[in-house]
PDB file of N, CA and C in Angstrom:
ATOM      1  N   MET A   1     101.084 -43.846  16.918  1.00  0.00           N
ATOM      2  CA  MET A   1     102.476 -44.207  17.153  1.00  0.00           C
ATOM      3  C   MET A   1     103.046 -42.422  16.704  1.00  0.00           C
ATOM      4  N   ILE A   2     103.957 -42.514  17.529  1.00  0.00           N
ATOM      5  CA  ILE A   2     104.397 -41.120  17.955  1.00  0.00           C
ATOM      6  C   ILE A   2     105.592 -40.767  16.941  1.00  0.00           C
ATOM      7  N   THR A   3     105.641 -40.303  15.377  1.00  0.00           N
ATOM      8  CA  THR A   3     106.746 -40.280  14.720  1.00  0.00           C
ATOM      9  C   THR A   3     107.352 -38.877  15.206  1.00  0.00           C
ATOM     10  N   TRP A   4     108.517 -39.315  14.491  1.00  0.00           N
ATOM     11  CA  TRP A   4     109.838 -37.631  14.555  1.00  0.00           C
ATOM     12  C   TRP A   4     109.477 -37.205  14.404  1.00  0.00           C
ATOM     13  N   TYR A   5     108.407 -36.440  13.266  1.00  0.00           N
ATOM     14  CA  TYR A   5     108.321 -35.122  13.304  1.00  0.00           C
ATOM     15  C   TYR A   5     107.274 -34.513  13.476  1.00  0.00           C
ATOM     16  N   VAL A   6     106.257 -35.405  14.279  1.00  0.00           N
ATOM     17  CA  VAL A   6     105.228 -35.113  15.294  1.00  0.00           C
ATOM     18  C   VAL A   6     106.053 -34.848  16.802  1.00  0.00           C
ATOM     19  N   VAL A   7     107.163 -35.154  17.361  1.00  0.00           N
ATOM     20  CA  VAL A   7     108.306 -34.877  17.840  1.00  0.00           C
ATOM     21  C   VAL A   7     109.269 -33.335  17.850  1.00  0.00           C
ATOM     22  N   CYS A   8     109.669 -33.121  16.605  1.00  0.00           N
ATOM     23  CA  CYS A   8     110.254 -32.092  16.290  1.00  0.00           C
ATOM     24  C   CYS A   8     109.268 -30.617  16.007  1.00  0.00           C
ATOM     25  N   ALA A   9     108.246 -31.156  15.801  1.00  0.00           N
ATOM     26  CA  ALA A   9     106.652 -30.218  16.084  1.00  0.00           C
ATOM     27  C   ALA A   9     106.367 -29.873  17.384  1.00  0.00           C
ATOM     28  N   ALA A  10     106.390 -30.465  18.287  1.00  0.00           N
ATOM     29  CA  ALA A  10     106.168 -30.576  19.691  1.00  0.00           C
ATOM     30  C   ALA A  10     107.079 -29.663  20.601  1.00  0.00           C
ATOM     31  N   VAL A  11     108.512 -29.528  19.889  1.00  0.00           N
ATOM     32  CA  VAL A  11     109.318 -29.143  20.559  1.00  0.00           C
ATOM     33  C   VAL A  11     109.768 -27.686  19.404  1.00  0.00           C
ATOM     34  N   ALA A  12     109.262 -27.712  18.829  1.00  0.00           N
ATOM     35  CA  ALA A  12     109.348 -26.485  17.791  1.00  0.00           C
ATOM     36  C   ALA A  12     108.221 -25.551  18.152  1.00  0.00           C
ATOM     37  N   VAL A  13     107.156 -25.730  19.060  1.00  0.00           N
ATOM     38  CA  VAL A  13     105.852 -24.395  19.712  1.00  0.00           C
ATOM     39  C   VAL A  13     106.379 -24.973  20.868  1.00  0.00           C
ATOM     40  N   LEU A  14     106.578 -25.370  21.471  1.00  0.00           N
ATOM     41  CA  LEU A  14     106.838 -25.290  23.308  1.00  0.00           C
ATOM     42  C   LEU A  14     108.402 -23.954  23.289  1.00  0.00           C
ATOM     43  N   LEU A  15     109.085 -24.420  22.098  1.00  0.00           N
ATOM     44  CA  LEU A  15     110.277 -22.916  21.536  1.00  0.00           C
ATOM     45  C   LEU A  15     109.634 -21.658  21.708  1.00  0.00           C
ATOM     46  N   LEU A  16     108.842 -21.618  20.726  1.00  0.00           N
ATOM     47  CA  LEU A  16     107.800 -20.552  20.064  1.00  0.00           C
ATOM     48  C   LEU A  16     107.615 -20.243  21.142  1.00  0.00           C
ATOM     49  N   LEU A  17     106.810 -20.815  21.962  1.00  0.00           N
ATOM     50  CA  LEU A  17     106.001 -20.089  23.396  1.00  0.00           C
ATOM     51  C   LEU A  17     107.312 -19.417  24.318  1.00  0.00           C
ATOM     52  N   TYR A  18     108.326 -20.329  24.361  1.00  0.00           N
ATOM     53  CA  TYR A  18     108.646 -19.865  25.676  1.00  0.00           C
ATOM     54  C   TYR A  18     109.837 -18.111  24.490  1.00  0.00           C
ATOM     55  N   LEU A  19     109.770 -18.188  23.366  1.00  0.00           N
ATOM     56  CA  LEU A  19     110.477 -16.984  22.873  1.00  0.00           C
ATOM     57  C   LEU A  19     109.593 -15.910  23.194  1.00  0.00           C
ATOM     58  N   PHE A  20     107.933 -16.447  22.771  1.00  0.00           N
ATOM     59  CA  PHE A  20     106.994 -16.029  22.920  1.00  0.00           C
ATOM     60  C   PHE A  20     107.025 -14.665  24.432  1.00  0.00           C
ATOM     61  N   VAL A  21     107.126 -15.600  25.560  1.00  0.00           N
ATOM     62  CA  VAL A  21     106.706 -14.977  26.340  1.00  0.00           C
ATOM     63  C   VAL A  21     108.484 -14.717  27.241  1.00  0.00           C
ATOM     64  N   ALA A  22     109.066 -15.138  26.628  1.00  0.00           N
ATOM     65  CA  ALA A  22     110.243 -13.779  26.725  1.00  0.00           C
ATOM     66  C   ALA A  22     110.636 -12.724  26.126  1.00  0.00           C
ATOM     67  N   MET A  23     109.904 -12.552  25.510  1.00  0.00           N
ATOM     68  CA  MET A  23     109.601 -11.187  24.323  1.00  0.00           C
ATOM     69  C   MET A  23     108.829 -10.349  25.449  1.00  0.00           C
ATOM     70  N   LEU A  24     107.426 -11.093  26.439  1.00  0.00           N
ATOM     71  CA  LEU A  24     106.835 -10.337  26.598  1.00  0.00           C
ATOM     72  C   LEU A  24     107.284  -9.903  28.064  1.00  0.00           C
ATOM     73  N   LYS A  25     107.717 -10.982  28.792  1.00  0.00           N
ATOM     74  CA  LYS A  25     108.271 -10.314  30.071  1.00  0.00           C
ATOM     75  C   LYS A  25     110.013 -10.917  30.177  1.00  0.00           C
ATOM     76  N   PRO A  26     110.565  -9.799  29.148  1.00  0.00           N
ATOM     77  CA  PRO A  26     112.338  -9.876  29.829  1.00  0.00           C
ATOM     78  C   PRO A  26     112.986 -10.029  31.189  1.00  0.00           C
ATOM     79  N   GLU A  27     111.840  -9.692  31.551  1.00  0.00           N
ATOM     80  CA  GLU A  27     112.846  -9.298  33.676  1.00  0.00           C
ATOM     81  C   GLU A  27     112.923 -10.259  33.771  1.00  0.00           C
ATOM     82  N   SER A  28     112.136 -11.064  33.687  1.00  0.00           N
ATOM     83  CA  SER A  28     111.930 -12.811  34.326  1.00  0.00           C
ATOM     84  C   SER A  28     112.861 -13.643  33.420  1.00  0.00           C
ATOM     85  N   PHE A  29     113.765 -12.977  32.536  1.00  0.00           N
ATOM     86  CA  PHE A  29     114.636 -14.427  32.101  1.00  0.00           C
ATOM     87  C   PHE A  29     115.922 -13.519  32.874  1.00  0.00           C
ATOM     88  N   GLN A  30     116.512 -12.299  33.309  1.00  0.00           N
ATOM     89  CA  GLN A  30     117.737 -11.971  33.780  1.00  0.00           C
ATOM     90  C   GLN A  30     118.213 -12.817  34.779  1.00  0.00           C
TER      91      GLN A  30
END
């Protein structure tokens, strides 16, 4: 059973990965 905190954790990880890539390659997000 997938609970709300598992979903929130997954979203948080994806957001952190997106921000990490955005910092590594800022020209890709212009």
